[in-house]
Amino acid sequence: MDIYHVVRRPLVTEKGTHQSQQSHAATRHERARGGAYTFEVHPKASKPEIRQAIEKIYGVRVSSVRTSSRKGKMRRVKFKMGRRPDWKKAVVVLRGEFHIDLF
C-alpha cells in the first residue's frame, strides 16, 4: 500500500490540538516524549505501516502508535436511515525533539 493512501487526513479537533501541544517531562517511569497527533488512516493499515508513512511524509521520528477502529454512525437521509462508513483513527506520539507544524 502506498504511504499516501495509508494516511488519509489529520484530525484537527480541540482535543487533538491540546494533545499535540502537550509534552511530558521525564519521570522515573517514562522518558520524555513529544506531542500526540491524530490522523484518519486506511482501515486495513497496520501500526508499522502507519509509523513508516508518518516518518516519510512529515520527516519526524515516531515513538509509538495507538489505533482504534470506529463504527460509522446511523444517520437519517429524508425518510430512510443511512450509515456513515467505518473508519480507523491513529494517535501517533513523536519523540521529544520533533513536532509537526500542521496543528
PDB file of N, CA and C in Angstrom:
ATOM      1  N   MET A   1       0.850  -1.175   0.000  1.00  0.00           N
ATOM      2  CA  MET A   1       0.000   0.000   0.000  1.00  0.00           C
ATOM      3  C   MET A   1       0.900   1.245   0.000  1.00  0.00           C
ATOM      4  N   ASP A   2       0.573   2.219  -0.815  1.00  0.00           N
ATOM      5  CA  ASP A   2       1.332   3.460  -0.924  1.00  0.00           C
ATOM      6  C   ASP A   2       1.205   4.269   0.364  1.00  0.00           C
ATOM      7  N   ILE A   3       2.278   4.969   0.764  1.00  0.00           N
ATOM      8  CA  ILE A   3       2.241   5.710   2.033  1.00  0.00           C
ATOM      9  C   ILE A   3       1.216   6.832   2.002  1.00  0.00           C
ATOM     10  N   TYR A   4       0.919   7.373   0.836  1.00  0.00           N
ATOM     11  CA  TYR A   4      -0.066   8.448   0.747  1.00  0.00           C
ATOM     12  C   TYR A   4      -1.504   7.921   0.777  1.00  0.00           C
ATOM     13  N   HIS A   5      -1.682   6.605   0.646  1.00  0.00           N
ATOM     14  CA  HIS A   5      -3.002   6.009   0.837  1.00  0.00           C
ATOM     15  C   HIS A   5      -3.199   5.539   2.274  1.00  0.00           C
ATOM     16  N   VAL A   6      -2.119   5.357   3.014  1.00  0.00           N
ATOM     17  CA  VAL A   6      -2.217   4.922   4.411  1.00  0.00           C
ATOM     18  C   VAL A   6      -2.796   6.043   5.260  1.00  0.00           C
ATOM     19  N   VAL A   7      -2.228   7.238   5.152  1.00  0.00           N
ATOM     20  CA  VAL A   7      -2.699   8.386   5.932  1.00  0.00           C
ATOM     21  C   VAL A   7      -3.693   9.150   5.077  1.00  0.00           C
ATOM     22  N   ARG A   8      -4.937   9.216   5.530  1.00  0.00           N
ATOM     23  CA  ARG A   8      -5.965   9.905   4.748  1.00  0.00           C
ATOM     24  C   ARG A   8      -5.983  11.403   5.043  1.00  0.00           C
ATOM     25  N   ARG A   9      -6.050  11.766   6.329  1.00  0.00           N
ATOM     26  CA  ARG A   9      -6.076  13.191   6.683  1.00  0.00           C
ATOM     27  C   ARG A   9      -5.779  13.335   8.170  1.00  0.00           C
ATOM     28  N   PRO A  10      -5.257  14.487   8.577  1.00  0.00           N
ATOM     29  CA  PRO A  10      -5.092  14.734  10.016  1.00  0.00           C
ATOM     30  C   PRO A  10      -6.442  15.120  10.621  1.00  0.00           C
ATOM     31  N   LEU A  11      -6.671  14.713  11.843  1.00  0.00           N
ATOM     32  CA  LEU A  11      -7.903  15.072  12.550  1.00  0.00           C
ATOM     33  C   LEU A  11      -7.598  16.272  13.448  1.00  0.00           C
ATOM     34  N   VAL A  12      -8.067  17.428  13.038  1.00  0.00           N
ATOM     35  CA  VAL A  12      -7.825  18.653  13.795  1.00  0.00           C
ATOM     36  C   VAL A  12      -9.064  18.912  14.646  1.00  0.00           C
ATOM     37  N   THR A  13      -8.980  18.528  15.911  1.00  0.00           N
ATOM     38  CA  THR A  13     -10.060  18.740  16.861  1.00  0.00           C
ATOM     39  C   THR A  13      -9.497  19.479  18.074  1.00  0.00           C
ATOM     40  N   GLU A  14     -10.367  19.890  18.963  1.00  0.00           N
ATOM     41  CA  GLU A  14      -9.918  20.592  20.161  1.00  0.00           C
ATOM     42  C   GLU A  14      -9.043  19.689  21.028  1.00  0.00           C
ATOM     43  N   LYS A  15      -9.458  18.466  21.200  1.00  0.00           N
ATOM     44  CA  LYS A  15      -8.670  17.520  21.996  1.00  0.00           C
ATOM     45  C   LYS A  15      -7.335  17.205  21.321  1.00  0.00           C
ATOM     46  N   GLY A  16      -7.365  17.006  20.006  1.00  0.00           N
ATOM     47  CA  GLY A  16      -6.144  16.703  19.287  1.00  0.00           C
ATOM     48  C   GLY A  16      -5.147  17.847  19.324  1.00  0.00           C
ATOM     49  N   THR A  17      -5.628  19.077  19.235  1.00  0.00           N
ATOM     50  CA  THR A  17      -4.749  20.238  19.315  1.00  0.00           C
ATOM     51  C   THR A  17      -4.109  20.331  20.687  1.00  0.00           C
ATOM     52  N   HIS A  18      -4.880  20.062  21.715  1.00  0.00           N
ATOM     53  CA  HIS A  18      -4.343  20.084  23.082  1.00  0.00           C
ATOM     54  C   HIS A  18      -3.273  19.010  23.269  1.00  0.00           C
ATOM     55  N   GLN A  19      -3.519  17.811  22.750  1.00  0.00           N
ATOM     56  CA  GLN A  19      -2.554  16.722  22.887  1.00  0.00           C
ATOM     57  C   GLN A  19      -1.284  16.978  22.090  1.00  0.00           C
ATOM     58  N   SER A  20      -1.390  17.682  20.972  1.00  0.00           N
ATOM     59  CA  SER A  20      -0.199  17.950  20.165  1.00  0.00           C
ATOM     60  C   SER A  20       0.707  18.977  20.833  1.00  0.00           C
ATOM     61  N   GLN A  21       0.144  19.865  21.627  1.00  0.00           N
ATOM     62  CA  GLN A  21       0.939  20.886  22.303  1.00  0.00           C
ATOM     63  C   GLN A  21       1.492  20.395  23.629  1.00  0.00           C
ATOM     64  N   GLN A  22       1.004  19.281  24.092  1.00  0.00           N
ATOM     65  CA  GLN A  22       1.430  18.705  25.365  1.00  0.00           C
ATOM     66  C   GLN A  22       2.728  17.929  25.177  1.00  0.00           C
ATOM     67  N   SER A  23       3.698  18.172  26.030  1.00  0.00           N
ATOM     68  CA  SER A  23       4.891  17.331  26.044  1.00  0.00           C
ATOM     69  C   SER A  23       5.137  16.924  27.481  1.00  0.00           C
ATOM     70  N   HIS A  24       5.416  15.672  27.686  1.00  0.00           N
ATOM     71  CA  HIS A  24       5.527  15.138  29.029  1.00  0.00           C
ATOM     72  C   HIS A  24       6.971  15.185  29.495  1.00  0.00           C
ATOM     73  N   ALA A  25       7.180  15.729  30.689  1.00  0.00           N
ATOM     74  CA  ALA A  25       8.526  15.774  31.260  1.00  0.00           C
ATOM     75  C   ALA A  25       8.950  14.359  31.650  1.00  0.00           C
ATOM     76  N   ALA A  26      10.259  14.167  31.728  1.00  0.00           N
ATOM     77  CA  ALA A  26      10.777  12.842  32.085  1.00  0.00           C
ATOM     78  C   ALA A  26      10.429  12.526  33.532  1.00  0.00           C
ATOM     79  N   THR A  27       9.975  11.322  33.749  1.00  0.00           N
ATOM     80  CA  THR A  27       9.689  10.840  35.094  1.00  0.00           C
ATOM     81  C   THR A  27      10.484   9.561  35.301  1.00  0.00           C
ATOM     82  N   ARG A  28      10.401   9.010  36.476  1.00  0.00           N
ATOM     83  CA  ARG A  28      11.153   7.779  36.717  1.00  0.00           C
ATOM     84  C   ARG A  28      10.541   6.580  36.013  1.00  0.00           C
ATOM     85  N   HIS A  29       9.270   6.697  35.585  1.00  0.00           N
ATOM     86  CA  HIS A  29       8.607   5.581  34.917  1.00  0.00           C
ATOM     87  C   HIS A  29       8.695   5.681  33.391  1.00  0.00           C
ATOM     88  N   GLU A  30       8.839   6.899  32.863  1.00  0.00           N
ATOM     89  CA  GLU A  30       8.727   7.077  31.422  1.00  0.00           C
ATOM     90  C   GLU A  30       9.684   8.178  30.960  1.00  0.00           C
ATOM     91  N   ARG A  31      10.294   7.987  29.806  1.00  0.00           N
ATOM     92  CA  ARG A  31      11.177   9.010  29.253  1.00  0.00           C
ATOM     93  C   ARG A  31      10.355  10.175  28.710  1.00  0.00           C
ATOM     94  N   ALA A  32      11.020  11.298  28.478  1.00  0.00           N
ATOM     95  CA  ALA A  32      10.324  12.451  27.902  1.00  0.00           C
ATOM     96  C   ALA A  32       9.845  12.103  26.494  1.00  0.00           C
ATOM     97  N   ARG A  33       8.711  12.610  26.110  1.00  0.00           N
ATOM     98  CA  ARG A  33       8.191  12.339  24.779  1.00  0.00           C
ATOM     99  C   ARG A  33       7.531  13.593  24.226  1.00  0.00           C
ATOM    100  N   GLY A  34       7.365  13.615  22.941  1.00  0.00           N
ATOM    101  CA  GLY A  34       6.758  14.761  22.279  1.00  0.00           C
ATOM    102  C   GLY A  34       5.248  14.685  22.310  1.00  0.00           C
ATOM    103  N   GLY A  35       4.623  15.514  21.509  1.00  0.00           N
ATOM    104  CA  GLY A  35       3.176  15.569  21.472  1.00  0.00           C
ATOM    105  C   GLY A  35       2.555  14.398  20.738  1.00  0.00           C
ATOM    106  N   ALA A  36       1.244  14.254  20.874  1.00  0.00           N
ATOM    107  CA  ALA A  36       0.492  13.192  20.202  1.00  0.00           C
ATOM    108  C   ALA A  36      -0.362  13.828  19.104  1.00  0.00           C
ATOM    109  N   TYR A  37      -0.298  13.276  17.906  1.00  0.00           N
ATOM    110  CA  TYR A  37      -1.030  13.784  16.761  1.00  0.00           C
ATOM    111  C   TYR A  37      -1.988  12.716  16.266  1.00  0.00           C
ATOM    112  N   THR A  38      -3.193  13.138  15.864  1.00  0.00           N
ATOM    113  CA  THR A  38      -4.240  12.204  15.478  1.00  0.00           C
ATOM    114  C   THR A  38      -4.478  12.274  13.971  1.00  0.00           C
ATOM    115  N   PHE A  39      -4.598  11.108  13.342  1.00  0.00           N
ATOM    116  CA  PHE A  39      -4.816  11.017  11.905  1.00  0.00           C
ATOM    117  C   PHE A  39      -5.912  10.005  11.616  1.00  0.00           C
ATOM    118  N   GLU A  40      -6.648  10.245  10.517  1.00  0.00           N
ATOM    119  CA  GLU A  40      -7.536   9.214   9.987  1.00  0.00           C
ATOM    120  C   GLU A  40      -6.707   8.408   9.008  1.00  0.00           C
ATOM    121  N   VAL A  41      -6.718   7.089   9.158  1.00  0.00           N
ATOM    122  CA  VAL A  41      -5.890   6.217   8.330  1.00  0.00           C
ATOM    123  C   VAL A  41      -6.756   5.183   7.622  1.00  0.00           C
ATOM    124  N   HIS A  42      -6.161   4.476   6.682  1.00  0.00           N
ATOM    125  CA  HIS A  42      -6.853   3.420   5.945  1.00  0.00           C
ATOM    126  C   HIS A  42      -7.243   2.312   6.929  1.00  0.00           C
ATOM    127  N   PRO A  43      -8.459   1.773   6.828  1.00  0.00           N
ATOM    128  CA  PRO A  43      -8.900   0.759   7.793  1.00  0.00           C
ATOM    129  C   PRO A  43      -8.044  -0.503   7.851  1.00  0.00           C
ATOM    130  N   LYS A  44      -7.329  -0.838   6.771  1.00  0.00           N
ATOM    131  CA  LYS A  44      -6.510  -2.039   6.775  1.00  0.00           C
ATOM    132  C   LYS A  44      -5.033  -1.760   7.035  1.00  0.00           C
ATOM    133  N   ALA A  45      -4.699  -0.513   7.382  1.00  0.00           N
ATOM    134  CA  ALA A  45      -3.304  -0.157   7.649  1.00  0.00           C
ATOM    135  C   ALA A  45      -2.879  -0.686   9.016  1.00  0.00           C
ATOM    136  N   SER A  46      -1.670  -1.212   9.091  1.00  0.00           N
ATOM    137  CA  SER A  46      -1.140  -1.725  10.356  1.00  0.00           C
ATOM    138  C   SER A  46      -0.289  -0.643  11.024  1.00  0.00           C
ATOM    139  N   LYS A  47       0.065  -0.870  12.290  1.00  0.00           N
ATOM    140  CA  LYS A  47       0.860   0.107  13.031  1.00  0.00           C
ATOM    141  C   LYS A  47       2.226   0.361  12.389  1.00  0.00           C
ATOM    142  N   PRO A  48       2.967  -0.671  11.944  1.00  0.00           N
ATOM    143  CA  PRO A  48       4.245  -0.386  11.282  1.00  0.00           C
ATOM    144  C   PRO A  48       4.086   0.415   9.985  1.00  0.00           C
ATOM    145  N   GLU A  49       3.024   0.164   9.227  1.00  0.00           N
ATOM    146  CA  GLU A  49       2.774   0.934   8.011  1.00  0.00           C
ATOM    147  C   GLU A  49       2.476   2.395   8.334  1.00  0.00           C
ATOM    148  N   ILE A  50       1.690   2.623   9.381  1.00  0.00           N
ATOM    149  CA  ILE A  50       1.352   3.988   9.796  1.00  0.00           C
ATOM    150  C   ILE A  50       2.608   4.714  10.258  1.00  0.00           C
ATOM    151  N   ARG A  51       3.446   4.050  11.065  1.00  0.00           N
ATOM    152  CA  ARG A  51       4.696   4.646  11.547  1.00  0.00           C
ATOM    153  C   ARG A  51       5.587   5.047  10.375  1.00  0.00           C
ATOM    154  N   GLN A  52       5.743   4.142   9.422  1.00  0.00           N
ATOM    155  CA  GLN A  52       6.599   4.391   8.267  1.00  0.00           C
ATOM    156  C   GLN A  52       6.064   5.548   7.414  1.00  0.00           C
ATOM    157  N   ALA A  53       4.752   5.604   7.226  1.00  0.00           N
ATOM    158  CA  ALA A  53       4.149   6.659   6.413  1.00  0.00           C
ATOM    159  C   ALA A  53       4.318   8.027   7.066  1.00  0.00           C
ATOM    160  N   ILE A  54       4.079   8.131   8.365  1.00  0.00           N
ATOM    161  CA  ILE A  54       4.212   9.412   9.075  1.00  0.00           C
ATOM    162  C   ILE A  54       5.662   9.874   9.051  1.00  0.00           C
ATOM    163  N   GLU A  55       6.601   8.959   9.267  1.00  0.00           N
ATOM    164  CA  GLU A  55       8.016   9.334   9.268  1.00  0.00           C
ATOM    165  C   GLU A  55       8.467   9.838   7.900  1.00  0.00           C
ATOM    166  N   LYS A  56       7.977   9.226   6.813  1.00  0.00           N
ATOM    167  CA  LYS A  56       8.391   9.656   5.474  1.00  0.00           C
ATOM    168  C   LYS A  56       7.675  10.925   5.026  1.00  0.00           C
ATOM    169  N   ILE A  57       6.401  11.063   5.324  1.00  0.00           N
ATOM    170  CA  ILE A  57       5.641  12.227   4.869  1.00  0.00           C
ATOM    171  C   ILE A  57       6.070  13.488   5.612  1.00  0.00           C
ATOM    172  N   TYR A  58       6.174  13.417   6.936  1.00  0.00           N
ATOM    173  CA  TYR A  58       6.436  14.613   7.737  1.00  0.00           C
ATOM    174  C   TYR A  58       7.892  14.757   8.166  1.00  0.00           C
ATOM    175  N   GLY A  59       8.741  13.766   7.939  1.00  0.00           N
ATOM    176  CA  GLY A  59      10.154  13.862   8.297  1.00  0.00           C
ATOM    177  C   GLY A  59      10.404  13.920   9.792  1.00  0.00           C
ATOM    178  N   VAL A  60       9.680  13.123  10.567  1.00  0.00           N
ATOM    179  CA  VAL A  60       9.812  13.089  12.030  1.00  0.00           C
ATOM    180  C   VAL A  60      10.117  11.667  12.475  1.00  0.00           C
ATOM    181  N   ARG A  61      10.424  11.478  13.752  1.00  0.00           N
ATOM    182  CA  ARG A  61      10.649  10.151  14.330  1.00  0.00           C
ATOM    183  C   ARG A  61       9.469   9.837  15.249  1.00  0.00           C
ATOM    184  N   VAL A  62       8.857   8.676  15.051  1.00  0.00           N
ATOM    185  CA  VAL A  62       7.679   8.266  15.807  1.00  0.00           C
ATOM    186  C   VAL A  62       8.099   7.406  16.984  1.00  0.00           C
ATOM    187  N   SER A  63       7.538   7.721  18.156  1.00  0.00           N
ATOM    188  CA  SER A  63       7.822   6.953  19.359  1.00  0.00           C
ATOM    189  C   SER A  63       6.857   5.773  19.492  1.00  0.00           C
ATOM    190  N   SER A  64       5.557   6.040  19.323  1.00  0.00           N
ATOM    191  CA  SER A  64       4.567   4.967  19.414  1.00  0.00           C
ATOM    192  C   SER A  64       3.337   5.312  18.588  1.00  0.00           C
ATOM    193  N   VAL A  65       2.541   4.267  18.291  1.00  0.00           N
ATOM    194  CA  VAL A  65       1.309   4.419  17.515  1.00  0.00           C
ATOM    195  C   VAL A  65       0.198   3.680  18.241  1.00  0.00           C
ATOM    196  N   ARG A  66      -0.929   4.369  18.437  1.00  0.00           N
ATOM    197  CA  ARG A  66      -2.123   3.743  19.014  1.00  0.00           C
ATOM    198  C   ARG A  66      -3.238   3.848  17.986  1.00  0.00           C
ATOM    199  N   THR A  67      -3.982   2.765  17.779  1.00  0.00           N
ATOM    200  CA  THR A  67      -5.051   2.771  16.785  1.00  0.00           C
ATOM    201  C   THR A  67      -6.369   2.354  17.415  1.00  0.00           C
ATOM    202  N   SER A  68      -7.456   2.797  16.782  1.00  0.00           N
ATOM    203  CA  SER A  68      -8.783   2.333  17.173  1.00  0.00           C
ATOM    204  C   SER A  68      -9.674   2.359  15.941  1.00  0.00           C
ATOM    205  N   SER A  69     -10.475   1.324  15.778  1.00  0.00           N
ATOM    206  CA  SER A  69     -11.421   1.242  14.672  1.00  0.00           C
ATOM    207  C   SER A  69     -12.753   1.797  15.139  1.00  0.00           C
ATOM    208  N   ARG A  70     -13.307   2.707  14.358  1.00  0.00           N
ATOM    209  CA  ARG A  70     -14.536   3.399  14.737  1.00  0.00           C
ATOM    210  C   ARG A  70     -15.675   2.946  13.827  1.00  0.00           C
ATOM    211  N   LYS A  71     -16.823   2.670  14.400  1.00  0.00           N
ATOM    212  CA  LYS A  71     -18.009   2.309  13.628  1.00  0.00           C
ATOM    213  C   LYS A  71     -18.684   3.576  13.123  1.00  0.00           C
ATOM    214  N   GLY A  72     -19.241   3.497  11.918  1.00  0.00           N
ATOM    215  CA  GLY A  72     -19.954   4.633  11.352  1.00  0.00           C
ATOM    216  C   GLY A  72     -21.281   4.859  12.060  1.00  0.00           C
ATOM    217  N   LYS A  73     -21.675   6.116  12.176  1.00  0.00           N
ATOM    218  CA  LYS A  73     -22.925   6.461  12.857  1.00  0.00           C
ATOM    219  C   LYS A  73     -24.119   6.275  11.928  1.00  0.00           C
ATOM    220  N   MET A  74     -25.260   5.986  12.521  1.00  0.00           N
ATOM    221  CA  MET A  74     -26.509   5.908  11.774  1.00  0.00           C
ATOM    222  C   MET A  74     -27.023   7.328  11.571  1.00  0.00           C
ATOM    223  N   ARG A  75     -27.384   7.649  10.344  1.00  0.00           N
ATOM    224  CA  ARG A  75     -27.889   8.970  10.009  1.00  0.00           C
ATOM    225  C   ARG A  75     -29.143   8.829   9.155  1.00  0.00           C
ATOM    226  N   ARG A  76     -30.066   9.776   9.339  1.00  0.00           N
ATOM    227  CA  ARG A  76     -31.292   9.757   8.562  1.00  0.00           C
ATOM    228  C   ARG A  76     -31.122  10.654   7.339  1.00  0.00           C
ATOM    229  N   VAL A  77     -31.505  10.134   6.180  1.00  0.00           N
ATOM    230  CA  VAL A  77     -31.498  10.897   4.946  1.00  0.00           C
ATOM    231  C   VAL A  77     -32.929  10.921   4.448  1.00  0.00           C
ATOM    232  N   LYS A  78     -33.589  12.035   4.618  1.00  0.00           N
ATOM    233  CA  LYS A  78     -35.018  12.206   4.341  1.00  0.00           C
ATOM    234  C   LYS A  78     -35.823  11.167   5.116  1.00  0.00           C
ATOM    235  N   PHE A  79     -36.368  10.148   4.420  1.00  0.00           N
ATOM    236  CA  PHE A  79     -37.205   9.178   5.106  1.00  0.00           C
ATOM    237  C   PHE A  79     -36.524   7.843   5.325  1.00  0.00           C
ATOM    238  N   LYS A  80     -35.277   7.734   4.928  1.00  0.00           N
ATOM    239  CA  LYS A  80     -34.557   6.468   5.067  1.00  0.00           C
ATOM    240  C   LYS A  80     -33.424   6.626   6.066  1.00  0.00           C
ATOM    241  N   MET A  81     -33.053   5.500   6.667  1.00  0.00           N
ATOM    242  CA  MET A  81     -31.899   5.504   7.561  1.00  0.00           C
ATOM    243  C   MET A  81     -30.671   5.093   6.750  1.00  0.00           C
ATOM    244  N   GLY A  82     -29.606   5.858   6.890  1.00  0.00           N
ATOM    245  CA  GLY A  82     -28.355   5.546   6.219  1.00  0.00           C
ATOM    246  C   GLY A  82     -27.271   5.371   7.269  1.00  0.00           C
ATOM    247  N   ARG A  83     -26.089   5.051   6.806  1.00  0.00           N
ATOM    248  CA  ARG A  83     -24.997   4.842   7.743  1.00  0.00           C
ATOM    249  C   ARG A  83     -23.711   5.404   7.167  1.00  0.00           C
ATOM    250  N   ARG A  84     -22.975   6.117   7.982  1.00  0.00           N
ATOM    251  CA  ARG A  84     -21.671   6.617   7.567  1.00  0.00           C
ATOM    252  C   ARG A  84     -20.676   5.463   7.553  1.00  0.00           C
ATOM    253  N   PRO A  85     -19.621   5.585   6.764  1.00  0.00           N
ATOM    254  CA  PRO A  85     -18.672   4.464   6.674  1.00  0.00           C
ATOM    255  C   PRO A  85     -17.840   4.298   7.943  1.00  0.00           C
ATOM    256  N   ASP A  86     -17.394   3.063   8.190  1.00  0.00           N
ATOM    257  CA  ASP A  86     -16.482   2.792   9.296  1.00  0.00           C
ATOM    258  C   ASP A  86     -15.122   3.404   8.957  1.00  0.00           C
ATOM    259  N   TRP A  87     -14.368   3.800   9.999  1.00  0.00           N
ATOM    260  CA  TRP A  87     -13.071   4.404   9.763  1.00  0.00           C
ATOM    261  C   TRP A  87     -12.114   4.052  10.895  1.00  0.00           C
ATOM    262  N   LYS A  88     -10.844   4.332  10.686  1.00  0.00           N
ATOM    263  CA  LYS A  88      -9.813   3.976  11.655  1.00  0.00           C
ATOM    264  C   LYS A  88      -9.050   5.231  12.045  1.00  0.00           C
ATOM    265  N   LYS A  89      -8.806   5.364  13.347  1.00  0.00           N
ATOM    266  CA  LYS A  89      -8.102   6.517  13.896  1.00  0.00           C
ATOM    267  C   LYS A  89      -6.761   6.063  14.452  1.00  0.00           C
ATOM    268  N   ALA A  90      -5.710   6.849  14.204  1.00  0.00           N
ATOM    269  CA  ALA A  90      -4.378   6.546  14.725  1.00  0.00           C
ATOM    270  C   ALA A  90      -3.865   7.749  15.502  1.00  0.00           C
ATOM    271  N   VAL A  91      -3.399   7.512  16.734  1.00  0.00           N
ATOM    272  CA  VAL A  91      -2.762   8.538  17.548  1.00  0.00           C
ATOM    273  C   VAL A  91      -1.269   8.233  17.526  1.00  0.00           C
ATOM    274  N   VAL A  92      -0.504   9.174  16.973  1.00  0.00           N
ATOM    275  CA  VAL A  92       0.931   8.992  16.776  1.00  0.00           C
ATOM    276  C   VAL A  92       1.669   9.872  17.784  1.00  0.00           C
ATOM    277  N   VAL A  93       2.503   9.261  18.616  1.00  0.00           N
ATOM    278  CA  VAL A  93       3.299  10.008  19.592  1.00  0.00           C
ATOM    279  C   VAL A  93       4.710  10.135  19.043  1.00  0.00           C
ATOM    280  N   LEU A  94       5.190  11.374  18.962  1.00  0.00           N
ATOM    281  CA  LEU A  94       6.514  11.637  18.418  1.00  0.00           C
ATOM    282  C   LEU A  94       7.557  11.671  19.524  1.00  0.00           C
ATOM    283  N   ARG A  95       8.820  11.538  19.116  1.00  0.00           N
ATOM    284  CA  ARG A  95       9.915  11.682  20.069  1.00  0.00           C
ATOM    285  C   ARG A  95      10.003  13.144  20.511  1.00  0.00           C
ATOM    286  N   GLY A  96      10.641  13.383  21.653  1.00  0.00           N
ATOM    287  CA  GLY A  96      10.636  14.699  22.279  1.00  0.00           C
ATOM    288  C   GLY A  96      11.120  15.849  21.429  1.00  0.00           C
ATOM    289  N   GLU A  97      12.086  15.633  20.562  1.00  0.00           N
ATOM    290  CA  GLU A  97      12.672  16.729  19.804  1.00  0.00           C
ATOM    291  C   GLU A  97      11.945  17.052  18.510  1.00  0.00           C
ATOM    292  N   PHE A  98      10.880  16.323  18.159  1.00  0.00           N
ATOM    293  CA  PHE A  98      10.169  16.519  16.909  1.00  0.00           C
ATOM    294  C   PHE A  98       8.782  17.063  17.159  1.00  0.00           C
ATOM    295  N   HIS A  99       8.249  17.786  16.164  1.00  0.00           N
ATOM    296  CA  HIS A  99       6.863  18.223  16.164  1.00  0.00           C
ATOM    297  C   HIS A  99       6.412  18.428  14.723  1.00  0.00           C
ATOM    298  N   ILE A 100       5.099  18.482  14.526  1.00  0.00           N
ATOM    299  CA  ILE A 100       4.513  18.712  13.214  1.00  0.00           C
ATOM    300  C   ILE A 100       3.840  20.075  13.246  1.00  0.00           C
ATOM    301  N   ASP A 101       4.172  20.953  12.295  1.00  0.00           N
ATOM    302  CA  ASP A 101       3.652  22.317  12.291  1.00  0.00           C
ATOM    303  C   ASP A 101       2.214  22.398  11.830  1.00  0.00           C
ATOM    304  N   LEU A 102       1.653  21.301  11.389  1.00  0.00           N
ATOM    305  CA  LEU A 102       0.307  21.272  10.839  1.00  0.00           C
ATOM    306  C   LEU A 102      -0.744  21.640  11.882  1.00  0.00           C
ATOM    307  N   PHE A 103      -0.517  21.297  13.134  1.00  0.00           N
ATOM    308  CA  PHE A 103      -1.522  21.510  14.171  1.00  0.00           C
ATOM    309  C   PHE A 103      -1.310  22.814  14.888  1.00  0.00           C
TER     310      PHE A 103
END
